[in-house]
């Protein structure tokens, strides 16, 4: 049913480039969809204090592209991928920097460190969550989180850069 949407390395190499984005919308089981849905709901409940809906949608789009390209270029062993977790980890990385910039700096630092520790454990020992029908691609978590932090840093830089008026 969803086979034409899933991130599939061979299909992408054969020109089906839409899979770089559509793969994030595919979930491989109802449990997988539920887990990602809970994470997205939690993110949306927290993030509304720190950002606009438009900014969140823009970050989601950028993360969709960067996570997929990172999987393609950095993890050639990943032949298929489906799910929102790479984007979700990126959103939490981005949000943690927004929290650090706010009055809730300590909470932001805690989120940044806890998720970073989880990703480090996954890279060392594999996923903490296991599904019967597929393997969790922990590289997607790593790439998403890294790109989310990079986006947050870039955003902070541009917010703190003085604007020069060149109107004569």
N, C-alpha and C. Protein backbone atom coordinates (compact mmCIF):
# COMPACT_ATOMS: atom_id res chain seq x y z
N UNK A 1 0.82 -1.19 0.00
CA UNK A 1 0.00 0.00 0.00
C UNK A 1 0.87 1.26 0.00
N UNK A 2 1.87 1.34 0.85
CA UNK A 2 2.70 2.53 0.99
C UNK A 2 4.07 2.32 0.37
N UNK A 3 4.27 1.23 -0.33
CA UNK A 3 5.60 0.89 -0.85
C UNK A 3 6.19 1.98 -1.74
N UNK A 4 5.35 2.70 -2.47
CA UNK A 4 5.84 3.73 -3.38
C UNK A 4 6.20 5.03 -2.66
N UNK A 5 5.96 5.09 -1.34
CA UNK A 5 6.29 6.27 -0.57
C UNK A 5 7.53 6.10 0.31
N UNK A 6 7.82 4.87 0.70
CA UNK A 6 8.90 4.62 1.66
C UNK A 6 10.26 5.05 1.08
N UNK A 7 11.15 5.52 1.96
CA UNK A 7 12.52 5.81 1.56
C UNK A 7 13.11 4.47 1.14
N UNK A 8 13.51 4.36 -0.12
CA UNK A 8 14.10 3.14 -0.66
C UNK A 8 15.30 3.56 -1.50
N UNK A 9 16.48 3.22 -1.04
CA UNK A 9 17.72 3.68 -1.67
C UNK A 9 17.77 3.34 -3.15
N UNK A 10 17.43 2.14 -3.53
CA UNK A 10 17.51 1.74 -4.94
C UNK A 10 16.51 2.52 -5.78
N UNK A 11 15.30 2.68 -5.27
CA UNK A 11 14.29 3.46 -6.00
C UNK A 11 14.72 4.92 -6.15
N UNK A 12 15.33 5.48 -5.11
CA UNK A 12 15.82 6.87 -5.18
C UNK A 12 16.90 6.97 -6.25
N UNK A 13 17.80 5.99 -6.28
CA UNK A 13 18.87 5.98 -7.28
C UNK A 13 18.32 5.84 -8.69
N UNK A 14 17.12 5.28 -8.81
CA UNK A 14 16.46 5.13 -10.10
C UNK A 14 15.54 6.30 -10.42
N UNK A 15 15.66 7.41 -9.68
CA UNK A 15 14.95 8.63 -10.00
C UNK A 15 13.71 8.93 -9.18
N UNK A 16 13.34 8.08 -8.25
CA UNK A 16 12.14 8.32 -7.44
C UNK A 16 12.50 9.17 -6.21
N UNK A 17 12.90 10.41 -6.50
CA UNK A 17 13.45 11.29 -5.47
C UNK A 17 12.41 11.76 -4.46
N UNK A 18 11.12 11.67 -4.77
CA UNK A 18 10.09 12.06 -3.80
C UNK A 18 10.19 11.25 -2.52
N UNK A 19 10.77 10.07 -2.62
CA UNK A 19 10.90 9.20 -1.46
C UNK A 19 11.78 9.80 -0.37
N UNK A 20 12.63 10.77 -0.75
CA UNK A 20 13.45 11.44 0.25
C UNK A 20 12.58 12.17 1.27
N UNK A 21 11.42 12.65 0.85
CA UNK A 21 10.49 13.31 1.79
C UNK A 21 9.35 12.40 2.21
N UNK A 22 8.78 11.67 1.28
CA UNK A 22 7.59 10.87 1.60
C UNK A 22 7.89 9.76 2.59
N UNK A 23 9.12 9.32 2.66
CA UNK A 23 9.48 8.26 3.60
C UNK A 23 9.24 8.64 5.06
N UNK A 24 9.24 9.93 5.33
CA UNK A 24 9.00 10.39 6.70
C UNK A 24 7.52 10.29 7.10
N UNK A 25 6.66 10.14 6.11
CA UNK A 25 5.23 10.06 6.38
C UNK A 25 4.74 8.63 6.55
N UNK A 26 5.55 7.67 6.13
CA UNK A 26 5.19 6.26 6.17
C UNK A 26 5.54 5.68 7.53
N UNK A 27 4.62 4.92 8.10
CA UNK A 27 4.90 4.22 9.35
C UNK A 27 4.69 2.73 9.13
N UNK A 28 5.55 1.95 9.74
CA UNK A 28 5.63 0.53 9.43
C UNK A 28 4.73 -0.34 10.28
N UNK A 29 4.06 0.25 11.26
CA UNK A 29 3.06 -0.45 12.06
C UNK A 29 2.22 0.59 12.79
N UNK A 30 1.10 0.18 13.32
CA UNK A 30 0.27 1.10 14.10
C UNK A 30 0.99 1.55 15.36
N UNK A 31 1.75 0.65 15.97
CA UNK A 31 2.52 1.01 17.16
C UNK A 31 3.55 2.09 16.82
N UNK A 32 4.22 1.93 15.68
CA UNK A 32 5.21 2.90 15.21
C UNK A 32 4.54 4.26 15.00
N UNK A 33 3.39 4.28 14.36
CA UNK A 33 2.63 5.51 14.15
C UNK A 33 2.23 6.14 15.49
N UNK A 34 1.79 5.32 16.41
CA UNK A 34 1.37 5.80 17.73
C UNK A 34 2.54 6.44 18.48
N UNK A 35 3.70 5.77 18.50
CA UNK A 35 4.87 6.28 19.21
C UNK A 35 5.30 7.63 18.62
N UNK A 36 5.37 7.72 17.29
CA UNK A 36 5.73 8.98 16.65
C UNK A 36 4.66 10.04 16.89
N UNK A 37 3.39 9.64 16.90
CA UNK A 37 2.30 10.58 17.17
C UNK A 37 2.35 11.15 18.57
N UNK A 38 2.67 10.31 19.55
CA UNK A 38 2.82 10.80 20.93
C UNK A 38 3.98 11.79 21.02
N UNK A 39 5.10 11.46 20.38
CA UNK A 39 6.25 12.36 20.38
C UNK A 39 5.93 13.69 19.72
N UNK A 40 5.23 13.66 18.59
CA UNK A 40 4.87 14.89 17.90
C UNK A 40 3.88 15.71 18.73
N UNK A 41 2.93 15.06 19.36
CA UNK A 41 1.97 15.76 20.21
C UNK A 41 2.69 16.44 21.37
N UNK A 42 3.60 15.74 22.01
CA UNK A 42 4.38 16.32 23.10
C UNK A 42 5.16 17.54 22.60
N UNK A 43 5.82 17.39 21.46
CA UNK A 43 6.57 18.50 20.89
C UNK A 43 5.66 19.71 20.65
N UNK A 44 4.51 19.48 20.03
CA UNK A 44 3.60 20.60 19.70
C UNK A 44 3.06 21.27 20.95
N UNK A 45 2.78 20.50 21.99
CA UNK A 45 2.30 21.09 23.23
C UNK A 45 3.35 21.98 23.88
N UNK A 46 4.60 21.55 23.83
CA UNK A 46 5.68 22.33 24.43
C UNK A 46 6.08 23.51 23.54
N UNK A 47 6.18 23.28 22.25
CA UNK A 47 6.77 24.27 21.35
C UNK A 47 5.91 25.51 21.12
N UNK A 48 4.62 25.41 21.35
CA UNK A 48 3.77 26.58 21.08
C UNK A 48 4.14 27.78 21.93
N UNK A 49 4.85 27.56 23.02
CA UNK A 49 5.32 28.68 23.86
C UNK A 49 6.57 29.33 23.29
N UNK A 50 7.24 28.64 22.39
CA UNK A 50 8.55 29.10 21.93
C UNK A 50 8.64 29.44 20.45
N UNK A 51 7.59 29.11 19.69
CA UNK A 51 7.70 29.32 18.25
C UNK A 51 6.34 29.42 17.59
N UNK A 52 6.34 29.87 16.36
CA UNK A 52 5.11 29.96 15.58
C UNK A 52 4.92 28.68 14.77
N UNK A 53 3.68 28.47 14.35
CA UNK A 53 3.36 27.30 13.54
C UNK A 53 4.16 27.35 12.22
N UNK A 54 4.29 28.52 11.63
CA UNK A 54 5.03 28.66 10.38
C UNK A 54 6.50 28.27 10.53
N UNK A 55 7.12 28.71 11.61
CA UNK A 55 8.53 28.36 11.85
C UNK A 55 8.68 26.85 12.04
N UNK A 56 7.75 26.25 12.77
CA UNK A 56 7.80 24.80 13.00
C UNK A 56 7.67 24.05 11.68
N UNK A 57 6.74 24.46 10.84
CA UNK A 57 6.56 23.80 9.55
C UNK A 57 7.80 23.95 8.68
N UNK A 58 8.42 25.13 8.70
CA UNK A 58 9.65 25.34 7.95
C UNK A 58 10.78 24.44 8.42
N UNK A 59 10.92 24.33 9.74
CA UNK A 59 11.96 23.47 10.31
C UNK A 59 11.67 22.00 9.96
N UNK A 60 10.41 21.60 10.01
CA UNK A 60 10.07 20.22 9.63
C UNK A 60 10.48 19.93 8.19
N UNK A 61 10.22 20.87 7.29
CA UNK A 61 10.59 20.68 5.89
C UNK A 61 12.09 20.56 5.70
N UNK A 62 12.82 21.46 6.34
CA UNK A 62 14.29 21.42 6.24
C UNK A 62 14.82 20.11 6.82
N UNK A 63 14.28 19.70 7.96
CA UNK A 63 14.73 18.45 8.59
C UNK A 63 14.40 17.24 7.71
N UNK A 64 13.24 17.26 7.06
CA UNK A 64 12.90 16.15 6.18
C UNK A 64 13.95 15.96 5.10
N UNK A 65 14.36 17.05 4.49
CA UNK A 65 15.37 16.98 3.43
C UNK A 65 16.73 16.59 3.99
N UNK A 66 17.16 17.25 5.07
CA UNK A 66 18.52 17.01 5.59
C UNK A 66 18.67 15.62 6.19
N UNK A 67 17.65 15.12 6.87
CA UNK A 67 17.74 13.77 7.43
C UNK A 67 17.84 12.74 6.30
N UNK A 68 17.00 12.89 5.28
CA UNK A 68 17.04 11.93 4.17
C UNK A 68 18.36 11.98 3.42
N UNK A 69 18.84 13.19 3.13
CA UNK A 69 20.12 13.29 2.44
C UNK A 69 21.26 12.74 3.29
N UNK A 70 21.18 12.96 4.60
CA UNK A 70 22.20 12.40 5.50
C UNK A 70 22.16 10.88 5.50
N UNK A 71 20.97 10.31 5.52
CA UNK A 71 20.85 8.85 5.43
C UNK A 71 21.44 8.36 4.11
N UNK A 72 21.09 9.04 3.04
CA UNK A 72 21.54 8.63 1.72
C UNK A 72 23.06 8.71 1.59
N UNK A 73 23.63 9.83 2.04
CA UNK A 73 25.07 10.03 1.88
C UNK A 73 25.89 9.42 3.00
N UNK A 74 25.36 9.40 4.22
CA UNK A 74 26.15 8.97 5.37
C UNK A 74 25.89 7.57 5.86
N UNK A 75 24.81 6.96 5.41
CA UNK A 75 24.47 5.60 5.87
C UNK A 75 24.08 4.74 4.68
N UNK A 76 25.05 4.40 3.83
CA UNK A 76 24.73 3.63 2.63
C UNK A 76 24.17 2.23 2.93
N UNK A 77 24.35 1.76 4.15
CA UNK A 77 23.80 0.46 4.52
C UNK A 77 22.29 0.51 4.75
N UNK A 78 21.73 1.71 4.91
CA UNK A 78 20.28 1.85 5.12
C UNK A 78 19.61 1.79 3.75
N UNK A 79 18.94 0.69 3.51
CA UNK A 79 18.28 0.50 2.22
C UNK A 79 16.85 1.04 2.23
N UNK A 80 16.18 0.95 3.38
CA UNK A 80 14.81 1.45 3.50
C UNK A 80 14.64 2.14 4.84
N UNK A 81 13.74 3.13 4.83
CA UNK A 81 13.45 3.87 6.05
C UNK A 81 12.03 4.40 5.94
N UNK A 82 11.33 4.33 7.03
CA UNK A 82 10.00 4.92 7.11
C UNK A 82 9.77 5.41 8.52
N UNK A 83 9.19 6.59 8.63
CA UNK A 83 8.88 7.11 9.94
C UNK A 83 9.28 8.55 10.13
N UNK A 84 8.78 9.12 11.19
CA UNK A 84 8.93 10.54 11.47
C UNK A 84 9.98 10.81 12.55
N UNK A 85 10.59 9.76 13.09
CA UNK A 85 11.45 9.95 14.25
C UNK A 85 12.68 10.80 13.96
N UNK A 86 13.26 10.71 12.77
CA UNK A 86 14.41 11.55 12.45
C UNK A 86 14.05 13.03 12.54
N UNK A 87 12.91 13.38 11.96
CA UNK A 87 12.43 14.76 12.03
C UNK A 87 12.09 15.11 13.48
N UNK A 88 11.47 14.20 14.18
CA UNK A 88 11.06 14.45 15.56
C UNK A 88 12.26 14.74 16.47
N UNK A 89 13.32 13.96 16.34
CA UNK A 89 14.53 14.23 17.12
C UNK A 89 15.11 15.59 16.75
N UNK A 90 15.06 15.93 15.47
CA UNK A 90 15.53 17.24 15.05
C UNK A 90 14.71 18.37 15.65
N UNK A 91 13.40 18.18 15.69
CA UNK A 91 12.53 19.20 16.28
C UNK A 91 12.87 19.43 17.75
N UNK A 92 13.13 18.34 18.48
CA UNK A 92 13.47 18.49 19.89
C UNK A 92 14.86 19.13 20.07
N UNK A 93 15.79 18.84 19.18
CA UNK A 93 17.09 19.51 19.24
C UNK A 93 16.94 21.00 19.01
N UNK A 94 16.16 21.36 18.01
CA UNK A 94 15.89 22.77 17.70
C UNK A 94 15.16 23.45 18.85
N UNK A 95 14.15 22.78 19.39
CA UNK A 95 13.37 23.34 20.50
C UNK A 95 14.23 23.55 21.74
N UNK A 96 15.15 22.63 22.02
CA UNK A 96 15.98 22.78 23.21
C UNK A 96 16.79 24.07 23.15
N UNK A 97 17.27 24.44 21.97
CA UNK A 97 18.01 25.70 21.85
C UNK A 97 17.09 26.91 22.03
N UNK A 98 15.87 26.80 21.58
CA UNK A 98 14.91 27.89 21.82
C UNK A 98 14.61 28.01 23.32
N UNK A 99 14.53 26.89 24.00
CA UNK A 99 14.28 26.90 25.44
C UNK A 99 15.48 27.51 26.18
N UNK A 100 16.67 27.16 25.75
CA UNK A 100 17.89 27.69 26.38
C UNK A 100 17.93 29.21 26.23
N UNK A 101 17.44 29.72 25.13
CA UNK A 101 17.42 31.16 24.88
C UNK A 101 16.36 31.87 25.72
N UNK A 102 15.40 31.13 26.25
CA UNK A 102 14.29 31.72 27.01
C UNK A 102 14.60 31.75 28.50
N UNK A 103 13.57 32.01 29.28
CA UNK A 103 13.67 32.00 30.74
C UNK A 103 13.87 30.59 31.29
N UNK A 104 13.63 29.58 30.49
CA UNK A 104 13.72 28.19 30.94
C UNK A 104 15.00 27.52 30.45
N UNK A 105 16.09 28.23 30.64
CA UNK A 105 17.40 27.77 30.16
C UNK A 105 17.76 26.39 30.71
N UNK A 106 17.53 26.17 32.01
CA UNK A 106 17.89 24.90 32.63
C UNK A 106 17.13 23.72 32.03
N UNK A 107 15.85 23.92 31.76
CA UNK A 107 15.05 22.85 31.14
C UNK A 107 15.57 22.56 29.74
N UNK A 108 15.90 23.61 29.00
CA UNK A 108 16.45 23.42 27.66
C UNK A 108 17.75 22.64 27.66
N UNK A 109 18.63 22.98 28.59
CA UNK A 109 19.91 22.26 28.71
C UNK A 109 19.65 20.80 29.08
N UNK A 110 18.71 20.56 30.00
CA UNK A 110 18.38 19.19 30.40
C UNK A 110 17.85 18.38 29.22
N UNK A 111 16.95 18.97 28.44
CA UNK A 111 16.40 18.29 27.26
C UNK A 111 17.53 17.97 26.28
N UNK A 112 18.38 18.95 26.02
CA UNK A 112 19.49 18.77 25.10
C UNK A 112 20.39 17.62 25.53
N UNK A 113 20.74 17.59 26.82
CA UNK A 113 21.65 16.56 27.33
C UNK A 113 21.00 15.18 27.40
N UNK A 114 19.74 15.12 27.84
CA UNK A 114 19.07 13.82 27.95
C UNK A 114 18.88 13.16 26.59
N UNK A 115 18.42 13.92 25.62
CA UNK A 115 18.23 13.35 24.29
C UNK A 115 19.58 13.01 23.67
N UNK A 116 20.56 13.87 23.88
CA UNK A 116 21.92 13.57 23.40
C UNK A 116 22.46 12.28 24.00
N UNK A 117 22.21 12.06 25.29
CA UNK A 117 22.66 10.82 25.94
C UNK A 117 21.94 9.61 25.37
N UNK A 118 20.64 9.73 25.11
CA UNK A 118 19.88 8.62 24.52
C UNK A 118 20.44 8.27 23.14
N UNK A 119 20.72 9.28 22.35
CA UNK A 119 21.26 9.03 21.01
C UNK A 119 22.65 8.39 21.10
N UNK A 120 23.47 8.84 22.03
CA UNK A 120 24.79 8.23 22.22
C UNK A 120 24.65 6.76 22.61
N UNK A 121 23.70 6.45 23.48
CA UNK A 121 23.46 5.05 23.86
C UNK A 121 23.01 4.24 22.66
N UNK A 122 22.12 4.81 21.85
CA UNK A 122 21.65 4.10 20.66
C UNK A 122 22.79 3.83 19.69
N UNK A 123 23.69 4.78 19.54
CA UNK A 123 24.81 4.58 18.63
C UNK A 123 25.75 3.49 19.15
N UNK A 124 25.85 3.37 20.45
CA UNK A 124 26.72 2.37 21.05
C UNK A 124 26.07 0.99 21.14
N UNK A 125 24.81 0.95 21.58
CA UNK A 125 24.16 -0.32 21.90
C UNK A 125 22.97 -0.68 21.02
N UNK A 126 22.56 0.21 20.15
CA UNK A 126 21.38 -0.04 19.33
C UNK A 126 20.15 0.58 19.97
N UNK A 127 19.05 0.44 19.29
CA UNK A 127 17.81 1.08 19.73
C UNK A 127 17.33 0.53 21.07
N UNK A 128 16.77 1.42 21.87
CA UNK A 128 16.16 1.02 23.14
C UNK A 128 14.75 0.48 22.92
N UNK A 129 14.18 0.78 21.74
CA UNK A 129 12.84 0.33 21.37
C UNK A 129 12.99 -0.70 20.26
N UNK A 130 12.23 -1.77 20.35
CA UNK A 130 12.30 -2.82 19.33
C UNK A 130 10.91 -3.15 18.82
N UNK A 131 10.82 -3.32 17.52
CA UNK A 131 9.58 -3.72 16.86
C UNK A 131 9.79 -5.09 16.25
N UNK A 132 8.74 -5.86 16.16
CA UNK A 132 8.85 -7.21 15.60
C UNK A 132 9.12 -7.20 14.11
N UNK A 133 8.53 -6.26 13.39
CA UNK A 133 8.55 -6.34 11.93
C UNK A 133 9.64 -5.49 11.26
N UNK A 134 10.39 -4.68 12.00
CA UNK A 134 11.42 -3.86 11.38
C UNK A 134 12.43 -3.41 12.42
N UNK A 135 13.56 -2.92 11.92
CA UNK A 135 14.64 -2.43 12.76
C UNK A 135 14.57 -0.90 12.83
N UNK A 136 14.77 -0.35 14.00
CA UNK A 136 14.81 1.11 14.16
C UNK A 136 16.12 1.62 13.57
N UNK A 137 16.03 2.63 12.74
CA UNK A 137 17.22 3.23 12.12
C UNK A 137 17.69 4.37 13.02
N UNK A 138 18.59 4.03 13.92
CA UNK A 138 19.06 5.03 14.90
C UNK A 138 19.88 6.13 14.25
N UNK A 139 20.44 5.88 13.07
CA UNK A 139 21.16 6.94 12.37
C UNK A 139 20.23 8.11 12.06
N UNK A 140 18.95 7.83 11.79
CA UNK A 140 17.99 8.90 11.52
C UNK A 140 17.83 9.80 12.74
N UNK A 141 17.85 9.21 13.94
CA UNK A 141 17.76 9.99 15.18
C UNK A 141 18.98 10.89 15.31
N UNK A 142 20.15 10.32 15.07
CA UNK A 142 21.40 11.07 15.16
C UNK A 142 21.43 12.23 14.17
N UNK A 143 21.11 11.95 12.91
CA UNK A 143 21.13 13.00 11.89
C UNK A 143 20.08 14.07 12.20
N UNK A 144 18.89 13.64 12.57
CA UNK A 144 17.84 14.61 12.87
C UNK A 144 18.23 15.52 14.01
N UNK A 145 18.72 14.94 15.08
CA UNK A 145 19.10 15.73 16.25
C UNK A 145 20.23 16.70 15.91
N UNK A 146 21.22 16.20 15.19
CA UNK A 146 22.33 17.06 14.79
C UNK A 146 21.87 18.23 13.93
N UNK A 147 21.03 17.95 12.94
CA UNK A 147 20.52 19.02 12.08
C UNK A 147 19.62 19.97 12.84
N UNK A 148 18.83 19.47 13.78
CA UNK A 148 17.99 20.35 14.59
C UNK A 148 18.82 21.32 15.40
N UNK A 149 19.91 20.83 15.97
CA UNK A 149 20.80 21.70 16.74
C UNK A 149 21.48 22.71 15.82
N UNK A 150 21.91 22.26 14.65
CA UNK A 150 22.53 23.19 13.68
C UNK A 150 21.53 24.28 13.29
N UNK A 151 20.30 23.90 13.00
CA UNK A 151 19.27 24.90 12.64
C UNK A 151 19.06 25.88 13.79
N UNK A 152 19.03 25.37 15.02
CA UNK A 152 18.87 26.25 16.18
C UNK A 152 20.03 27.22 16.33
N UNK A 153 21.24 26.75 16.10
CA UNK A 153 22.42 27.61 16.20
C UNK A 153 22.40 28.68 15.11
N UNK A 154 22.07 28.28 13.89
CA UNK A 154 21.99 29.24 12.78
C UNK A 154 20.93 30.30 13.09
N UNK A 155 19.80 29.86 13.59
CA UNK A 155 18.73 30.79 13.95
C UNK A 155 19.18 31.77 15.03
N UNK A 156 19.86 31.27 16.05
CA UNK A 156 20.38 32.14 17.11
C UNK A 156 21.37 33.15 16.56
N UNK A 157 22.23 32.70 15.67
CA UNK A 157 23.22 33.59 15.08
C UNK A 157 22.54 34.73 14.34
N UNK A 158 21.57 34.40 13.50
CA UNK A 158 20.91 35.45 12.72
C UNK A 158 20.03 36.35 13.57
N UNK A 159 19.50 35.84 14.67
CA UNK A 159 18.72 36.69 15.57
C UNK A 159 19.62 37.68 16.31
N UNK A 160 20.86 37.31 16.54
CA UNK A 160 21.78 38.16 17.30
C UNK A 160 22.73 38.97 16.42
N UNK A 161 22.58 38.86 15.10
CA UNK A 161 23.43 39.61 14.19
C UNK A 161 22.78 40.96 13.92
N UNK A 162 23.51 42.06 14.16
CA UNK A 162 22.93 43.39 13.90
C UNK A 162 22.61 43.56 12.42
N UNK A 163 21.51 44.20 12.13
CA UNK A 163 21.10 44.46 10.76
C UNK A 163 21.68 45.81 10.34
N UNK A 164 22.19 45.85 9.13
CA UNK A 164 22.77 47.08 8.59
C UNK A 164 21.78 47.63 7.57
N UNK A 165 21.39 48.88 7.76
CA UNK A 165 20.50 49.54 6.81
C UNK A 165 21.33 50.15 5.71
N UNK A 166 21.02 49.84 4.47
CA UNK A 166 21.75 50.40 3.35
C UNK A 166 20.90 51.37 2.54
N UNK A 167 19.83 51.85 3.12
CA UNK A 167 18.96 52.80 2.44
C UNK A 167 19.66 54.15 2.39
N UNK A 168 19.73 54.73 1.21
CA UNK A 168 20.40 56.05 1.06
C UNK A 168 19.40 57.12 0.77
